[in-house]
C-alpha atoms as a PDB file:
ATOM      1  CA  MET A   1       0.000   0.000   0.000  1.00  0.00           C
ATOM      2  CA  LEU A   2       1.174   3.542  -0.757  1.00  0.00           C
ATOM      3  CA  THR A   3       3.148   5.555   1.787  1.00  0.00           C
ATOM      4  CA  GLY A   4       0.423   8.209   1.744  1.00  0.00           C
ATOM      5  CA  TYR A   5      -2.163   5.624   2.702  1.00  0.00           C
ATOM      6  CA  ASN A   6      -0.059   4.289   5.582  1.00  0.00           C
ATOM      7  CA  GLU A   7       0.366   7.804   6.935  1.00  0.00           C
ATOM      8  CA  ALA A   8      -3.365   8.456   6.693  1.00  0.00           C
ATOM      9  CA  ARG A   9      -4.166   5.111   8.329  1.00  0.00           C
ATOM     10  CA  HIS A  10      -1.858   5.822  11.262  1.00  0.00           C
ATOM     11  CA  GLU A  11      -3.341   9.298  11.661  1.00  0.00           C
ATOM     12  CA  VAL A  12      -6.804   7.757  11.959  1.00  0.00           C
ATOM     13  CA  ARG A  13      -5.607   5.210  14.483  1.00  0.00           C
ATOM     14  CA  ASP A  14      -3.830   7.923  16.499  1.00  0.00           C
ATOM     15  CA  ALA A  15      -7.029   9.981  16.532  1.00  0.00           C
ATOM     16  CA  VAL A  16      -9.003   6.981  17.801  1.00  0.00           C
ATOM     17  CA  VAL A  17      -6.396   6.490  20.545  1.00  0.00           C
ATOM     18  CA  GLU A  18      -6.780  10.158  21.490  1.00  0.00           C
ATOM     19  CA  VAL A  19     -10.552   9.822  21.865  1.00  0.00           C
ATOM     20  CA  VAL A  20     -10.262   6.637  23.931  1.00  0.00           C
ATOM     21  CA  THR A  21      -7.648   8.341  26.130  1.00  0.00           C
ATOM     22  CA  ASN A  22      -9.891  11.369  26.706  1.00  0.00           C
ATOM     23  CA  LEU A  23     -12.879   9.172  27.579  1.00  0.00           C
ATOM     24  CA  SER A  24     -10.721   7.194  29.987  1.00  0.00           C
ATOM     25  CA  ILE A  25      -9.553  10.421  31.636  1.00  0.00           C
ATOM     26  CA  ALA A  26     -13.153  11.620  32.008  1.00  0.00           C
ATOM     27  CA  ASN A  27     -14.082   8.299  33.581  1.00  0.00           C
ATOM     28  CA  LYS A  28     -11.112   8.533  35.960  1.00  0.00           C
ATOM     29  CA  LEU A  29     -11.971  12.111  36.947  1.00  0.00           C
ATOM     30  CA  ALA A  30     -15.551  11.020  37.657  1.00  0.00           C
ATOM     31  CA  LEU A  31     -14.319   8.136  39.806  1.00  0.00           C
ATOM     32  CA  GLN A  32     -12.046  10.420  41.824  1.00  0.00           C
ATOM     33  CA  ALA A  33     -14.852  12.946  42.311  1.00  0.00           C
ATOM     34  CA  LEU A  34     -17.286  10.262  43.448  1.00  0.00           C
ATOM     35  CA  GLU A  35     -14.759   8.827  45.893  1.00  0.00           C
ATOM     36  CA  SER A  36     -14.667  12.210  47.633  1.00  0.00           C
ATOM     37  CA  ALA A  37     -18.310  13.232  46.915  1.00  0.00           C
ATOM     38  CA  ASP A  38     -16.997  16.225  44.954  1.00  0.00           C
ATOM     39  CA  ILE A  39     -19.831  17.690  42.897  1.00  0.00           C
ATOM     40  CA  GLN A  40     -17.585  20.291  41.246  1.00  0.00           C
ATOM     41  CA  GLY A  41     -15.135  17.569  40.331  1.00  0.00           C
ATOM     42  CA  LEU A  42     -17.939  15.750  38.538  1.00  0.00           C
ATOM     43  CA  GLU A  43     -18.705  18.907  36.589  1.00  0.00           C
ATOM     44  CA  GLN A  44     -15.069  19.125  35.489  1.00  0.00           C
ATOM     45  CA  ALA A  45     -15.269  15.539  34.286  1.00  0.00           C
ATOM     46  CA  ARG A  46     -18.351  16.398  32.192  1.00  0.00           C
ATOM     47  CA  LYS A  47     -16.608  19.403  30.650  1.00  0.00           C
ATOM     48  CA  SER A  48     -13.771  17.170  29.437  1.00  0.00           C
ATOM     49  CA  LEU A  49     -16.270  15.325  27.212  1.00  0.00           C
ATOM     50  CA  LYS A  50     -17.315  18.311  25.117  1.00  0.00           C
ATOM     51  CA  MET A  51     -14.860  17.917  22.228  1.00  0.00           C
ATOM     52  CA  ILE A  52     -15.327  14.171  21.736  1.00  0.00           C
ATOM     53  CA  SER A  53     -18.161  14.233  19.188  1.00  0.00           C
ATOM     54  CA  GLY A  54     -16.320  16.744  16.984  1.00  0.00           C
ATOM     55  CA  THR A  55     -13.217  14.561  16.970  1.00  0.00           C
ATOM     56  CA  THR A  56     -15.106  11.377  16.088  1.00  0.00           C
ATOM     57  CA  GLU A  57     -16.896  13.196  13.270  1.00  0.00           C
ATOM     58  CA  LYS A  58     -13.522  14.235  11.847  1.00  0.00           C
ATOM     59  CA  ILE A  59     -12.280  10.630  12.095  1.00  0.00           C
ATOM     60  CA  ASP A  60     -15.299   9.407  10.125  1.00  0.00           C
ATOM     61  CA  ASN A  61     -14.763  12.071   7.461  1.00  0.00           C
ATOM     62  CA  ASP A  62     -11.068  11.178   7.195  1.00  0.00           C
ATOM     63  CA  ILE A  63     -11.958   7.512   6.707  1.00  0.00           C
ATOM     64  CA  VAL A  64     -14.364   8.400   3.888  1.00  0.00           C
ATOM     65  CA  LEU A  65     -11.581  10.396   2.228  1.00  0.00           C
ATOM     66  CA  ILE A  66      -9.238   7.404   2.568  1.00  0.00           C
ATOM     67  CA  PHE A  67     -11.822   5.204   0.824  1.00  0.00           C
ATOM     68  CA  ALA A  68     -12.144   7.720  -2.013  1.00  0.00           C
ATOM     69  CA  LYS A  69      -8.438   8.427  -2.434  1.00  0.00           C
ATOM     70  CA  PHE A  70      -6.746   5.075  -1.845  1.00  0.00           C
ATOM     71  CA  SER A  71      -9.386   2.339  -2.336  1.00  0.00           C
ATOM     72  CA  PRO A  72      -7.850   0.113   0.379  1.00  0.00           C
ATOM     73  CA  GLU A  73      -8.062  -3.635  -0.012  1.00  0.00           C
ATOM     74  CA  ALA A  74      -8.634  -6.626   2.283  1.00  0.00           C
ATOM     75  CA  ARG A  75      -7.039  -6.099   5.717  1.00  0.00           C
ATOM     76  CA  ASP A  76      -6.632  -2.351   5.169  1.00  0.00           C
ATOM     77  CA  LEU A  77     -10.315  -2.048   4.303  1.00  0.00           C
ATOM     78  CA  ARG A  78     -11.265  -4.109   7.386  1.00  0.00           C
ATOM     79  CA  GLU A  79      -9.355  -1.752   9.629  1.00  0.00           C
ATOM     80  CA  MET A  80     -11.030   1.371   8.262  1.00  0.00           C
ATOM     81  CA  VAL A  81     -14.510  -0.165   8.407  1.00  0.00           C
ATOM     82  CA  SER A  82     -13.807  -1.243  11.993  1.00  0.00           C
ATOM     83  CA  TYR A  83     -12.906   2.318  12.979  1.00  0.00           C
ATOM     84  CA  LEU A  84     -16.229   3.561  11.618  1.00  0.00           C
ATOM     85  CA  LYS A  85     -17.913   1.125  14.003  1.00  0.00           C
ATOM     86  CA  VAL A  86     -15.556   2.100  16.818  1.00  0.00           C
ATOM     87  CA  THR A  87     -16.294   5.829  16.551  1.00  0.00           C
ATOM     88  CA  SER A  88     -20.011   5.089  16.812  1.00  0.00           C
ATOM     89  CA  ALA A  89     -19.364   3.125  20.034  1.00  0.00           C
ATOM     90  CA  LEU A  90     -17.131   5.911  21.367  1.00  0.00           C
ATOM     91  CA  ASN A  91     -19.889   8.473  20.866  1.00  0.00           C
ATOM     92  CA  ARG A  92     -22.257   6.248  22.810  1.00  0.00           C
ATOM     93  CA  ILE A  93     -19.689   5.866  25.585  1.00  0.00           C
ATOM     94  CA  ARG A  94     -19.406   9.647  25.752  1.00  0.00           C
ATOM     95  CA  THR A  95     -23.184   9.881  26.172  1.00  0.00           C
ATOM     96  CA  ASN A  96     -23.148   7.111  28.791  1.00  0.00           C
ATOM     97  CA  ILE A  97     -20.428   8.818  30.847  1.00  0.00           C
ATOM     98  CA  ASN A  98     -22.103  12.216  30.594  1.00  0.00           C
ATOM     99  CA  ASN A  99     -25.495  10.875  31.682  1.00  0.00           C
ATOM    100  CA  TYR A 100     -23.969   8.837  34.502  1.00  0.00           C
ATOM    101  CA  ILE A 101     -22.100  11.868  35.864  1.00  0.00           C
ATOM    102  CA  LYS A 102     -25.221  14.038  35.626  1.00  0.00           C
ATOM    103  CA  ASN A 103     -27.271  11.460  37.524  1.00  0.00           C
ATOM    104  CA  MET A 104     -24.596  11.088  40.202  1.00  0.00           C
ATOM    105  CA  GLN A 105     -24.485  14.864  40.641  1.00  0.00           C
ATOM    106  CA  GLY A 106     -28.196  14.845  41.383  1.00  0.00           C
ATOM    107  CA  LEU A 107     -27.826  12.092  43.967  1.00  0.00           C
ATOM    108  CA  LEU A 108     -24.894  13.799  45.692  1.00  0.00           C
ATOM    109  CA  ILE A 109     -26.833  17.056  45.933  1.00  0.00           C
ATOM    110  CA  GLU A 110     -29.578  15.220  47.856  1.00  0.00           C
ATOM    111  CA  ASN A 111     -26.894  14.412  50.458  1.00  0.00           C
ATOM    112  CA  ASN A 112     -28.300  11.086  51.665  1.00  0.00           C
ATOM    113  CA  PRO A 113     -25.540   9.240  53.588  1.00  0.00           C
ATOM    114  CA  GLU A 114     -26.997   5.806  52.785  1.00  0.00           C
ATOM    115  CA  VAL A 115     -27.109   6.569  49.062  1.00  0.00           C
ATOM    116  CA  HIS A 116     -23.561   7.948  49.207  1.00  0.00           C
ATOM    117  CA  LYS A 117     -22.395   4.688  50.778  1.00  0.00           C
ATOM    118  CA  VAL A 118     -23.959   2.613  47.993  1.00  0.00           C
ATOM    119  CA  ILE A 119     -22.410   4.882  45.360  1.00  0.00           C
ATOM    120  CA  LYS A 120     -18.969   4.284  46.871  1.00  0.00           C
ATOM    121  CA  ASP A 121     -19.637   0.545  46.988  1.00  0.00           C
ATOM    122  CA  SER A 122     -20.544   0.637  43.290  1.00  0.00           C
ATOM    123  CA  LEU A 123     -17.278   2.303  42.263  1.00  0.00           C
ATOM    124  CA  SER A 124     -15.624  -1.085  41.835  1.00  0.00           C
ATOM    125  CA  ILE A 125     -17.533  -1.126  38.531  1.00  0.00           C
ATOM    126  CA  ASN A 126     -15.841   2.128  37.499  1.00  0.00           C
ATOM    127  CA  ARG A 127     -12.435   0.695  38.365  1.00  0.00           C
ATOM    128  CA  CYS A 128     -13.089  -2.352  36.188  1.00  0.00           C
ATOM    129  CA  THR A 129     -14.126   0.010  33.399  1.00  0.00           C
ATOM    130  CA  LEU A 130     -10.861   1.930  33.710  1.00  0.00           C
ATOM    131  CA  ASN A 131      -8.956  -1.352  33.425  1.00  0.00           C
ATOM    132  CA  ALA A 132     -10.905  -2.090  30.243  1.00  0.00           C
ATOM    133  CA  PHE A 133     -10.040   1.367  28.863  1.00  0.00           C
ATOM    134  CA  ASP A 134      -6.347   0.644  29.498  1.00  0.00           C
ATOM    135  CA  ALA A 135      -6.650  -2.676  27.670  1.00  0.00           C
ATOM    136  CA  ILE A 136      -8.367  -1.049  24.663  1.00  0.00           C
ATOM    137  CA  LEU A 137      -5.599   1.546  24.451  1.00  0.00           C
ATOM    138  CA  GLU A 138      -2.964  -1.173  24.530  1.00  0.00           C
ATOM    139  CA  MET A 139      -4.803  -3.100  21.807  1.00  0.00           C
ATOM    140  CA  LEU A 140      -4.737  -0.035  19.569  1.00  0.00           C
ATOM    141  CA  GLN A 141      -1.107   0.754  20.330  1.00  0.00           C
ATOM    142  CA  THR A 142       0.127  -2.820  19.727  1.00  0.00           C
ATOM    143  CA  PHE A 143      -2.114  -3.449  16.746  1.00  0.00           C
ATOM    144  CA  ASP A 144       0.235  -5.854  14.947  1.00  0.00           C
ATOM    145  CA  ASP A 145       0.754  -8.188  17.922  1.00  0.00           C
ATOM    146  CA  LYS A 146      -1.937 -10.811  17.356  1.00  0.00           C
ATOM    147  CA  GLU A 147      -1.353 -12.800  20.544  1.00  0.00           C
ATOM    148  CA  LEU A 148      -1.264  -9.727  22.754  1.00  0.00           C
ATOM    149  CA  ILE A 149      -4.475  -8.395  21.230  1.00  0.00           C
ATOM    150  CA  GLN A 150      -6.241 -11.661  21.986  1.00  0.00           C
ATOM    151  CA  ALA A 151      -4.902 -11.670  25.558  1.00  0.00           C
ATOM    152  CA  LEU A 152      -6.094  -8.089  26.082  1.00  0.00           C
ATOM    153  CA  ALA A 153      -9.528  -8.948  24.689  1.00  0.00           C
ATOM    154  CA  THR A 154      -9.746 -11.759  27.248  1.00  0.00           C
ATOM    155  CA  LYS A 155      -8.763  -9.302  29.985  1.00  0.00           C
ATOM    156  CA  ILE A 156     -11.654  -7.034  28.977  1.00  0.00           C
ATOM    157  CA  GLU A 157     -14.058  -9.981  29.096  1.00  0.00           C
ATOM    158  CA  VAL A 158     -12.876 -10.752  32.641  1.00  0.00           C
ATOM    159  CA  GLU A 159     -13.373  -7.143  33.744  1.00  0.00           C
ATOM    160  CA  TYR A 160     -16.836  -7.150  32.170  1.00  0.00           C
ATOM    161  CA  SER A 161     -17.714 -10.336  34.042  1.00  0.00           C
ATOM    162  CA  LYS A 162     -16.578  -8.729  37.299  1.00  0.00           C
ATOM    163  CA  THR A 163     -18.931  -5.781  36.780  1.00  0.00           C
ATOM    164  CA  ASP A 164     -21.872  -8.140  36.310  1.00  0.00           C
ATOM    165  CA  ASP A 165     -21.024  -9.837  39.608  1.00  0.00           C
ATOM    166  CA  ILE A 166     -20.628  -6.524  41.428  1.00  0.00           C
ATOM    167  CA  TYR A 167     -23.943  -5.243  40.099  1.00  0.00           C
ATOM    168  CA  SER A 168     -25.756  -8.444  41.077  1.00  0.00           C
ATOM    169  CA  LEU A 169     -24.533  -8.107  44.678  1.00  0.00           C
ATOM    170  CA  LEU A 170     -25.537  -4.431  44.825  1.00  0.00           C
ATOM    171  CA  GLU A 171     -28.928  -5.181  43.346  1.00  0.00           C
ATOM    172  CA  LYS A 172     -29.590  -7.914  45.906  1.00  0.00           C
ATOM    173  CA  GLU A 173     -28.564  -5.617  48.762  1.00  0.00           C
ATOM    174  CA  LEU A 174     -30.671  -2.679  47.575  1.00  0.00           C
ATOM    175  CA  ILE A 175     -33.767  -4.748  46.870  1.00  0.00           C
ATOM    176  CA  HIS A 176     -33.557  -5.999  50.460  1.00  0.00           C
ATOM    177  CA  LYS A 177     -33.266  -2.416  51.732  1.00  0.00           C
ATOM    178  CA  MET A 178     -36.153  -1.257  49.543  1.00  0.00           C
ATOM    179  CA  GLY A 179     -38.338  -3.971  51.045  1.00  0.00           C
ATOM    180  CA  SER A 180     -37.599  -2.851  54.590  1.00  0.00           C
ATOM    181  CA  SER A 181     -37.827   0.926  54.077  1.00  0.00           C
ATOM    182  CA  HIS A 182     -40.323   2.591  51.737  1.00  0.00           C
ATOM    183  CA  THR A 183     -38.839   6.037  52.438  1.00  0.00           C
ATOM    184  CA  VAL A 184     -35.700   5.311  50.400  1.00  0.00           C
ATOM    185  CA  ALA A 185     -37.182   2.873  47.889  1.00  0.00           C
ATOM    186  CA  GLU A 186     -37.397   5.403  45.024  1.00  0.00           C
ATOM    187  CA  GLU A 187     -33.853   6.658  45.573  1.00  0.00           C
ATOM    188  CA  TYR A 188     -32.466   3.134  45.594  1.00  0.00           C
ATOM    189  CA  PHE A 189     -34.473   2.212  42.508  1.00  0.00           C
ATOM    190  CA  ASN A 190     -33.061   5.218  40.644  1.00  0.00           C
ATOM    191  CA  LEU A 191     -29.557   4.439  41.869  1.00  0.00           C
ATOM    192  CA  LEU A 192     -29.795   0.890  40.535  1.00  0.00           C
ATOM    193  CA  LYS A 193     -31.007   2.267  37.213  1.00  0.00           C
ATOM    194  CA  TYR A 194     -28.068   4.667  36.981  1.00  0.00           C
ATOM    195  CA  ILE A 195     -25.529   1.983  37.911  1.00  0.00           C
ATOM    196  CA  ARG A 196     -27.023  -0.387  35.343  1.00  0.00           C
ATOM    197  CA  LYS A 197     -26.668   2.288  32.673  1.00  0.00           C
ATOM    198  CA  ASN A 198     -23.055   2.793  33.792  1.00  0.00           C
ATOM    199  CA  LEU A 199     -22.465  -0.872  32.936  1.00  0.00           C
ATOM    200  CA  LYS A 200     -23.106   0.013  29.292  1.00  0.00           C
ATOM    201  CA  ILE A 201     -19.723   1.743  29.160  1.00  0.00           C
ATOM    202  CA  ILE A 202     -17.736  -1.449  29.639  1.00  0.00           C
ATOM    203  CA  ASP A 203     -20.226  -3.302  27.441  1.00  0.00           C
ATOM    204  CA  ARG A 204     -19.382  -0.924  24.591  1.00  0.00           C
ATOM    205  CA  LEU A 205     -15.666  -1.264  25.322  1.00  0.00           C
ATOM    206  CA  GLU A 206     -16.030  -5.004  24.853  1.00  0.00           C
ATOM    207  CA  SER A 207     -17.692  -4.371  21.486  1.00  0.00           C
ATOM    208  CA  ILE A 208     -14.762  -2.106  20.516  1.00  0.00           C
ATOM    209  CA  SER A 209     -12.423  -4.938  21.455  1.00  0.00           C
ATOM    210  CA  SER A 210     -14.202  -7.225  18.994  1.00  0.00           C
ATOM    211  CA  ARG A 211     -13.910  -4.536  16.266  1.00  0.00           C
ATOM    212  CA  ILE A 212     -10.153  -4.335  16.811  1.00  0.00           C
ATOM    213  CA  ILE A 213      -9.841  -8.107  16.578  1.00  0.00           C
ATOM    214  CA  PHE A 214     -11.833  -8.021  13.329  1.00  0.00           C
ATOM    215  CA  ALA A 215      -9.542  -5.316  11.959  1.00  0.00           C
ATOM    216  CA  ARG A 216      -6.473  -7.372  12.839  1.00  0.00           C
ATOM    217  CA  MET A 217      -7.601 -10.910  12.063  1.00  0.00           C
ATOM    218  CA  GLY A 218     -10.898 -10.805  10.191  1.00  0.00           C
ATOM    219  CA  GLY A 219     -13.926 -12.920  11.056  1.00  0.00           C
ATOM    220  CA  LYS A 220     -17.389 -11.551  11.687  1.00  0.00           C
ATOM    221  CA  LEU A 221     -18.000  -7.864  12.365  1.00  0.00           C
END
C-alpha cells in the first residue's frame, strides 16, 4: 500500500487512541470525584467530554476520504470499516459517561448518607471500566501483535464479568433495603437504574475490542 495511505491510516488510528484516552480520563476524573463526593469535580469531568463528538466526526470524514483516495483492499479495508464502528461506540460511551455523571451529581446534591455509601460501593464497577479502557488503548497501540491483542480482549471480558457480579450483589442488597424501608425505595431504585446504565460503558468497550480483533484478524464484524 502507498506511503500516503499508511500515513493516513496511522493518523486515523492515532485519533481513535486520542478519543479513547480522553474518555478514559473523564471516567477517571468522575471516579475520583465520586470517591470524595466532589460535585464540582464531577462537573469538570463532564466538561472534558465536550470535544469528543467533533473529533469522532472528523475521524469518520477522514476515513471516507481514505476510501475515495486510496481504495484500500482486504485487511486495510477491514481496519477502516472497523474504525467507523468504533467511533459510533465511542460516541455512545461519551453519552453514557455524561449521563452517569449528571445522575450522580443529582444524587450527591440530595446528600443522603446511605445513598452515598452505595455509590462508593458501586465504584468497583468504574475501576473495572478503567482497566478495560487501558486494555483497549494497549490493543490499539500494539495493533500488529496478534497474541497480545487476543490476551487483552480476554482481559476485557474478565473485567466485564466482574462488573456483572458486582452489580448483582448491589442489586440484591438494595432490593432488600427497599423492602424494609419505603422512604428510600425510590432513591435506591433510581440508583440501581443509573448503575445499570453505567455498565453500558464497559459493554461498549467489549464491542470495541471485537472490532479491533476483526480489523487485525478478520472474522465476523
